[in-house]
Protein backbone atom coordinates (compact mmCIF):
# COMPACT_ATOMS: atom_id res chain seq x y z
CA UNK A 1 -48.10 -10.40 70.75
CA UNK A 2 -48.66 -14.03 69.90
CA UNK A 3 -47.64 -15.24 66.47
CA UNK A 4 -49.71 -17.77 64.53
CA UNK A 5 -47.76 -21.01 64.65
CA UNK A 6 -47.39 -23.34 61.68
CA UNK A 7 -46.76 -27.08 62.02
CA UNK A 8 -43.81 -28.21 59.91
CA UNK A 9 -41.45 -31.15 59.68
CA UNK A 10 -37.76 -31.32 58.81
CA UNK A 11 -37.75 -32.73 55.27
CA UNK A 12 -34.15 -32.04 54.26
CA UNK A 13 -30.71 -31.51 55.77
CA UNK A 14 -27.55 -30.22 54.12
CA UNK A 15 -24.22 -29.52 55.83
CA UNK A 16 -22.93 -26.32 54.23
CA UNK A 17 -19.80 -25.78 56.35
CA UNK A 18 -18.46 -27.47 59.48
CA UNK A 19 -20.67 -25.14 61.58
CA UNK A 20 -23.59 -24.25 59.28
CA UNK A 21 -26.39 -26.66 58.42
CA UNK A 22 -29.31 -26.00 56.10
CA UNK A 23 -32.78 -27.25 57.08
CA UNK A 24 -35.65 -27.67 54.64
CA UNK A 25 -38.96 -27.45 56.48
CA UNK A 26 -42.25 -28.61 54.94
CA UNK A 27 -45.85 -28.20 56.04
CA UNK A 28 -47.09 -31.39 57.65
CA UNK A 29 -50.31 -31.39 55.61
CA UNK A 30 -48.55 -30.56 52.33
CA UNK A 31 -50.47 -27.31 51.92
CA UNK A 32 -48.84 -24.02 50.89
CA UNK A 33 -47.14 -22.04 53.64
CA UNK A 34 -47.56 -18.23 53.85
CA UNK A 35 -45.69 -16.32 51.16
CA UNK A 36 -42.86 -13.91 51.92
CA UNK A 37 -40.49 -11.41 50.31
CA UNK A 38 -36.66 -11.22 50.41
CA UNK A 39 -35.33 -10.34 53.86
CA UNK A 40 -38.10 -12.16 55.75
CA UNK A 41 -37.48 -14.55 58.63
CA UNK A 42 -39.42 -17.04 60.74
CA UNK A 43 -39.38 -17.81 64.44
CA UNK A 44 -38.50 -21.42 65.19
CA UNK A 45 -40.09 -22.65 68.42
CA UNK A 46 -38.46 -25.66 70.02
CA UNK A 47 -37.03 -26.97 73.31
CA UNK A 48 -37.87 -29.65 75.86
CA UNK A 49 -38.23 -30.08 79.61
CA UNK A 50 -34.48 -29.99 80.16
CA UNK A 51 -33.65 -27.11 77.80
CA UNK A 52 -36.80 -25.08 78.41
CA UNK A 53 -38.55 -23.16 75.64
CA UNK A 54 -36.28 -21.95 72.85
CA UNK A 55 -37.29 -19.39 70.22
CA UNK A 56 -34.84 -18.41 67.50
CA UNK A 57 -35.10 -16.28 64.33
CA UNK A 58 -33.82 -17.58 60.99
CA UNK A 59 -33.93 -15.86 57.61
CA UNK A 60 -35.75 -17.55 54.75
CA UNK A 61 -33.49 -18.31 51.80
CA UNK A 62 -36.22 -18.69 49.21
CA UNK A 63 -34.51 -21.31 47.06
CA UNK A 64 -31.18 -22.01 45.39
CA UNK A 65 -29.39 -20.10 42.64
CA UNK A 66 -31.80 -21.32 39.96
CA UNK A 67 -35.14 -22.32 41.50
CA UNK A 68 -37.61 -21.08 44.10
CA UNK A 69 -38.50 -23.40 46.95
CA UNK A 70 -41.92 -25.09 46.62
CA UNK A 71 -44.75 -23.19 48.30
CA UNK A 72 -45.16 -25.87 50.99
CA UNK A 73 -41.55 -25.50 52.18
CA UNK A 74 -39.24 -23.04 53.94
CA UNK A 75 -35.45 -23.20 53.87
CA UNK A 76 -33.22 -21.84 56.67
CA UNK A 77 -29.55 -22.16 57.64
CA UNK A 78 -28.41 -22.44 61.27
CA UNK A 79 -24.87 -21.74 62.45
CA UNK A 80 -23.92 -23.77 65.51
CA UNK A 81 -22.64 -21.68 68.38
CA UNK A 82 -21.48 -23.95 71.17
CA UNK A 83 -22.17 -21.25 73.78
CA UNK A 84 -25.72 -20.72 72.49
CA UNK A 85 -28.32 -23.23 73.66
CA UNK A 86 -30.65 -22.58 70.72
CA UNK A 87 -28.37 -23.33 67.77
CA UNK A 88 -26.57 -26.15 69.59
CA UNK A 89 -29.94 -27.72 70.48
CA UNK A 90 -31.13 -27.50 66.87
CA UNK A 91 -27.95 -29.09 65.50
CA UNK A 92 -28.19 -31.88 68.07
CA UNK A 93 -31.91 -32.64 67.92
CA UNK A 94 -33.29 -31.69 64.50
CA UNK A 95 -33.27 -34.75 62.23
CA UNK A 96 -35.32 -35.81 59.22
CA UNK A 97 -38.90 -36.13 60.38
CA UNK A 98 -38.56 -33.83 63.41
CA UNK A 99 -41.78 -31.89 63.91
CA UNK A 100 -41.77 -28.34 65.19
CA UNK A 101 -43.65 -25.05 65.16
CA UNK A 102 -42.66 -21.92 63.29
CA UNK A 103 -44.22 -18.50 62.96
CA UNK A 104 -45.58 -17.02 59.78
CA UNK A 105 -42.88 -14.98 57.98
CA UNK A 106 -41.91 -11.62 59.48
CA UNK A 107 -40.05 -8.99 57.48
CA UNK A 108 -38.22 -6.23 59.33
CA UNK A 109 -35.54 -6.05 56.60
CA UNK A 110 -37.38 -5.57 53.30
CA UNK A 111 -35.69 -5.04 49.95
CA UNK A 112 -36.98 -1.95 48.12
CA UNK A 113 -37.87 -3.04 44.60
CA UNK A 114 -37.48 0.56 43.38
CA UNK A 115 -33.76 0.92 44.24
CA UNK A 116 -31.66 2.11 41.31
CA UNK A 117 -28.62 0.26 42.70
CA UNK A 118 -28.45 -2.05 45.72
CA UNK A 119 -25.28 -2.70 47.70
CA UNK A 120 -25.60 -5.95 49.65
CA UNK A 121 -23.13 -6.52 52.50
CA UNK A 122 -22.95 -9.76 54.49
CA UNK A 123 -20.73 -10.95 57.28
CA UNK A 124 -20.63 -14.65 58.15
CA UNK A 125 -24.07 -16.20 58.67
CA UNK A 126 -25.54 -12.78 57.83
CA UNK A 127 -25.45 -14.04 54.25
CA UNK A 128 -28.86 -15.71 54.67
CA UNK A 129 -31.17 -12.68 54.13
CA UNK A 130 -28.64 -11.20 51.71
CA UNK A 131 -28.73 -14.40 49.63
CA UNK A 132 -32.50 -14.07 49.23
CA UNK A 133 -32.07 -10.43 48.14
CA UNK A 134 -29.37 -11.36 45.62
CA UNK A 135 -31.64 -14.03 44.14
CA UNK A 136 -34.42 -11.48 43.68
CA UNK A 137 -32.17 -8.81 42.18
CA UNK A 138 -30.41 -11.18 39.79
CA UNK A 139 -33.63 -12.72 38.53
CA UNK A 140 -35.20 -9.29 37.99
CA UNK A 141 -32.00 -8.12 36.25
CA UNK A 142 -31.57 -5.24 38.69
CA UNK A 143 -28.29 -3.43 39.28
CA UNK A 144 -26.49 -4.57 42.46
CA UNK A 145 -23.18 -5.37 44.12
CA UNK A 146 -22.68 -7.99 46.83
CA UNK A 147 -19.76 -7.90 49.29
CA UNK A 148 -19.50 -11.07 51.39
CA UNK A 149 -16.94 -11.24 54.20
CA UNK A 150 -15.91 -14.31 56.18
CA UNK A 151 -12.98 -15.50 58.25
CA UNK A 152 -12.10 -18.22 55.72
CA UNK A 153 -13.39 -19.26 52.33
CA UNK A 154 -14.35 -22.69 53.70
CA UNK A 155 -16.58 -21.09 56.35
CA UNK A 156 -18.58 -19.02 53.86
CA UNK A 157 -21.91 -20.72 53.20
CA UNK A 158 -23.41 -20.44 49.69
CA UNK A 159 -20.14 -19.17 48.23
CA UNK A 160 -20.36 -21.36 45.11
CA UNK A 161 -24.05 -20.56 44.58
CA UNK A 162 -23.35 -16.84 44.83
CA UNK A 163 -20.46 -17.04 42.38
CA UNK A 164 -22.84 -18.64 39.88
CA UNK A 165 -25.71 -16.28 40.66
CA UNK A 166 -23.83 -12.96 40.82
CA UNK A 167 -20.81 -13.38 38.59
CA UNK A 168 -18.64 -10.21 38.61
CA UNK A 169 -21.10 -8.44 40.91
CA UNK A 170 -19.83 -10.57 43.82
CA UNK A 171 -16.87 -9.51 45.96
CA UNK A 172 -15.63 -12.17 48.37
CA UNK A 173 -13.48 -10.92 51.24
CA UNK A 174 -11.61 -13.38 53.46
CA UNK A 175 -10.77 -11.41 56.59
CA UNK A 176 -8.50 -14.15 57.92
CA UNK A 177 -6.24 -13.99 54.89
CA UNK A 178 -2.84 -12.47 55.60
CA UNK A 179 -3.13 -9.80 52.90
CA UNK A 180 -6.81 -8.86 53.28
CA UNK A 181 -7.68 -8.01 56.89
CA UNK A 182 -10.97 -6.24 57.54
CA UNK A 183 -13.23 -5.16 54.69
CA UNK A 184 -12.70 -1.47 53.85
CA UNK A 185 -16.28 -0.26 54.07
CA UNK A 186 -15.51 3.38 53.28
CA UNK A 187 -13.84 2.32 50.05
CA UNK A 188 -16.72 -0.05 49.26
CA UNK A 189 -19.46 2.54 49.78
CA UNK A 190 -17.51 5.27 47.97
CA UNK A 191 -17.30 3.06 44.87
CA UNK A 192 -21.08 2.72 44.54
CA UNK A 193 -23.19 4.74 42.06
CA UNK A 194 -24.93 7.85 43.34
CA UNK A 195 -28.21 7.08 45.08
CA UNK A 196 -27.29 3.50 46.02
CA UNK A 197 -29.02 1.85 48.96
CA UNK A 198 -26.99 -0.45 51.23
CA UNK A 199 -28.37 -3.53 52.97
CA UNK A 200 -26.08 -5.01 55.61
CA UNK A 201 -26.49 -8.08 57.80
CA UNK A 202 -23.82 -9.47 60.07
CA UNK A 203 -22.20 -9.01 63.46
CA UNK A 204 -22.93 -5.77 65.31
CA UNK A 205 -19.44 -4.31 64.69
CA UNK A 206 -19.86 -4.75 60.93
CA UNK A 207 -23.28 -3.08 60.95
CA UNK A 208 -21.97 -0.20 63.06
CA UNK A 209 -18.90 0.20 60.83
CA UNK A 210 -21.10 0.34 57.72
CA UNK A 211 -23.29 3.03 59.27
CA UNK A 212 -20.19 4.96 60.31
CA UNK A 213 -18.70 4.72 56.81
CA UNK A 214 -21.96 6.01 55.34
CA UNK A 215 -21.91 9.01 57.70
CA UNK A 216 -18.33 9.81 56.72
CA UNK A 217 -19.37 9.84 53.07
CA UNK A 218 -22.47 11.94 53.66
CA UNK A 219 -25.01 9.22 52.92
CA UNK A 220 -28.52 9.89 54.27
CA UNK A 221 -29.26 7.49 57.18
CA UNK A 222 -32.17 5.88 55.35
CA UNK A 223 -29.80 4.71 52.62
CA UNK A 224 -28.28 2.12 54.99
CA UNK A 225 -30.66 -0.61 56.10
CA UNK A 226 -29.54 -3.31 58.47
CA UNK A 227 -30.37 -6.42 60.37
CA UNK A 228 -28.33 -7.96 63.17
CA UNK A 229 -28.15 -11.62 64.05
CA UNK A 230 -29.80 -10.95 67.40
CA UNK A 231 -28.15 -11.23 70.78
CA UNK A 232 -26.18 -14.43 71.09
CA UNK A 233 -25.19 -16.31 74.20
CA UNK A 234 -21.96 -15.22 75.86
CA UNK A 235 -21.31 -18.41 77.78
CA UNK A 236 -21.72 -16.97 81.29
CA UNK A 237 -25.51 -17.07 81.58
CA UNK A 238 -27.05 -18.37 84.80
CA UNK A 239 -30.55 -19.57 85.63
CA UNK A 240 -32.69 -17.30 87.81
CA UNK A 241 -36.21 -16.76 89.12
CA UNK A 242 -38.63 -14.10 87.91
CA UNK A 243 -41.66 -12.93 89.89
CA UNK A 244 -44.46 -10.94 88.28
CA UNK A 245 -45.55 -8.82 91.25
CA UNK A 246 -49.06 -7.89 90.12
CA UNK A 247 -50.08 -11.42 89.14
CA UNK A 248 -48.03 -13.13 91.84
CA UNK A 249 -46.73 -15.72 89.39
CA UNK A 250 -43.14 -17.00 89.61
CA UNK A 251 -41.14 -18.46 86.72
CA UNK A 252 -37.79 -20.16 86.32
CA UNK A 253 -35.60 -18.81 83.51
CA UNK A 254 -33.00 -21.33 82.35
CA UNK A 255 -29.47 -20.56 81.17
CA UNK A 256 -30.46 -20.97 77.55
CA UNK A 257 -33.89 -19.36 77.81
CA UNK A 258 -34.87 -15.70 77.64
CA UNK A 259 -37.24 -14.15 80.15
CA UNK A 260 -39.74 -13.64 77.34
CA UNK A 261 -39.48 -17.29 76.25
CA UNK A 262 -40.18 -18.46 79.80
CA UNK A 263 -43.16 -16.14 80.23
CA UNK A 264 -44.77 -16.82 76.87
CA UNK A 265 -44.32 -20.59 77.31
CA UNK A 266 -46.37 -20.27 80.50
CA UNK A 267 -48.93 -18.06 78.69
CA UNK A 268 -48.16 -14.98 80.76
CA UNK A 269 -49.75 -11.84 79.32
CA UNK A 270 -46.78 -9.73 78.15
CA UNK A 271 -46.21 -7.57 75.09
CA UNK A 272 -43.44 -8.20 72.58
CA UNK A 273 -42.67 -7.93 68.89
CA UNK A 274 -39.11 -8.12 67.54
CA UNK A 275 -37.39 -10.42 70.10
CA UNK A 276 -34.14 -8.59 69.29
CA UNK A 277 -34.22 -5.73 71.79
CA UNK A 278 -34.98 -3.11 69.17
CA UNK A 279 -38.70 -2.29 69.04
CA UNK A 280 -39.32 -1.02 72.58
CA UNK A 281 -42.52 -3.01 73.13
CA UNK A 282 -41.32 -5.44 75.80
CA UNK A 283 -39.47 -3.31 78.44
CA UNK A 284 -40.73 -4.01 81.97
CA UNK A 285 -40.27 -1.97 85.15
CA UNK A 286 -37.91 -3.60 87.64
CA UNK A 287 -39.08 -3.60 91.26
CA UNK A 288 -36.33 -5.72 92.80
CA UNK A 289 -33.18 -7.45 91.59
CA UNK A 290 -30.51 -9.17 93.69
CA UNK A 291 -27.75 -8.74 91.12
CA UNK A 292 -26.66 -6.70 88.12
CA UNK A 293 -28.92 -6.27 85.10
CA UNK A 294 -27.18 -7.49 81.95
CA UNK A 295 -28.66 -5.15 79.33
CA UNK A 296 -28.40 -6.66 75.85
CA UNK A 297 -30.96 -4.53 74.01
CA UNK A 298 -30.46 -1.77 71.48
CA UNK A 299 -33.47 0.25 72.60
CA UNK A 300 -32.83 1.70 76.07
CA UNK A 301 -30.65 4.79 76.43
CA UNK A 302 -27.45 4.76 78.48
CA UNK A 303 -29.28 6.79 81.14
CA UNK A 304 -32.14 4.28 81.32
CA UNK A 305 -29.70 1.40 81.63
CA UNK A 306 -27.75 3.17 84.37
CA UNK A 307 -30.97 3.80 86.34
CA UNK A 308 -31.50 0.04 86.56
CA UNK A 309 -35.28 0.22 86.76
CA UNK A 310 -36.19 -1.05 83.29
CA UNK A 311 -35.30 -4.24 81.42
CA UNK A 312 -36.08 -5.54 77.91
CA UNK A 313 -37.30 -9.05 78.66
CA UNK A 314 -36.71 -10.40 75.14
CA UNK A 315 -32.90 -10.27 75.33
CA UNK A 316 -31.67 -8.90 78.67
CA UNK A 317 -30.93 -10.98 81.77
CA UNK A 318 -29.62 -10.61 85.30
CA UNK A 319 -26.46 -11.78 86.98
CA UNK A 320 -28.22 -12.91 90.11
CA UNK A 321 -30.86 -15.30 91.40
CA UNK A 322 -34.08 -13.29 91.60
CA UNK A 323 -35.83 -10.57 89.61
CA UNK A 324 -39.18 -8.95 90.42
CA UNK A 325 -41.04 -7.16 87.62
CA UNK A 326 -44.03 -4.83 87.82
CA UNK A 327 -46.28 -7.07 85.74
């Protein structure tokens, strides 16, 4: 599924923390970019001959504590992960004036405007979609609570803006502090008004712990809505070759490139949607593999993974040199 790409340029840079940098992107022609609602993100398409194609998802912030961004601009924040080719490449190569392509906004994490009370939970860089939700709720004078956890206060982007925006509705939790430890999610959810809806974005363990806390308290599953960062690099990726048996085409997948990125860059006809291993649109049948499949999706069952004959090309890889797919 090909997204419509928009031509933008980097018009502003702001270092938020030692590892997180904000990028303001503007349309090259100055015309309005597609509108979006809180929770939306864009795909950033970048890369070069050495790095290969890179596609990363970044949530749209929408503005600062007081003002919306102009209609011809998008604002995103990127946390540098030294093991991840995408974020490291962006921090190294994106300067004022850099031109790139982005998708139109996509929203798999929408905020329900009819909620009676919203509980927003963010961990680390997961604050980006939560920040846009907090802006919307505060400006509409809706009832909400925001719990923001980070390893240190200095590493928590938008902390000052949120303190101004949310006031007493904000709970900052520094997990690295000696007397705080991990955020008590059971206690947090139990303190919310009846009928609250929780929105959580952060590392997979935080999302899973929130869902588990909700189950313990008898919350209906639909009352906890979540978004994960995606599947980050682990530092042990290797390059390999992929053959599409039916078409006979062969592709090289770099260490910092997904199978899907390599195929779509070469205009191979494959289906995809979420790029996070969740939707189930991109799995391909494996004909041959000379190593172990490194499943990184959240769609296949344990039995399907153990069978070793299916792979989600948007996030999963192999620990080998050659993969043959029935495509």
